[in-house]
Structure formats: structure tokens, C-alpha cells
Amino acid sequence: MALDHQMDISLSAARKMADAALAASDALNKALLEVKQTESEAVFIAYREAVSEALMVLLTDVLNPVFAKYPELKPGGFQ
């Protein structure tokens, strides 16, 4: 369920949500690299698909609404 980007969230709370979502994204990407190096191709592909879905939810349901309301929180280079 996507959040309404017009939702009334404070800047402080939005910053915490963005920081947490970005940290989770980074942690998932790092873990996935380790899976790629240590597990079979089939296991890696399965986890890559799961991580991809999770990252999409973080982007569409957390980060995009926060950045729509507070564009100043969007990290440089983030697309």
C-alpha cells in the first residue's frame, strides 16, 4: 500500500524514515553481494528477486512519498 505523498509527516520523522529506508536498502544490497559470492546461481537469483521486490516497496511506499514532501532530504545522485 503506497502512502499518500501529501500525508502530513514532520520533517524530523520523514528524515528518520528516509535514513532507515536508505540504510535497509544498503544492507540488503551488501548481503546480496555476499550471497552471490558464496551461494549457487539459483540461490542468488531467488534472493535477488526477493531483494528487488523489497527495494521496490521501500522506494515506492517510503522514499518517494518522503522525497515528494521534503525534496531536500533526497540524497545527491538519488534517482
Foldseek 3Di string as FASTA:
>chain_A
DADDLVDDDDPVVLLVLQVVLVVVLVVLVVVLVVCVVPHDPVVSVVSVVVSVVVNVCSVRRRVVSSCVNPVVSDDPPHD
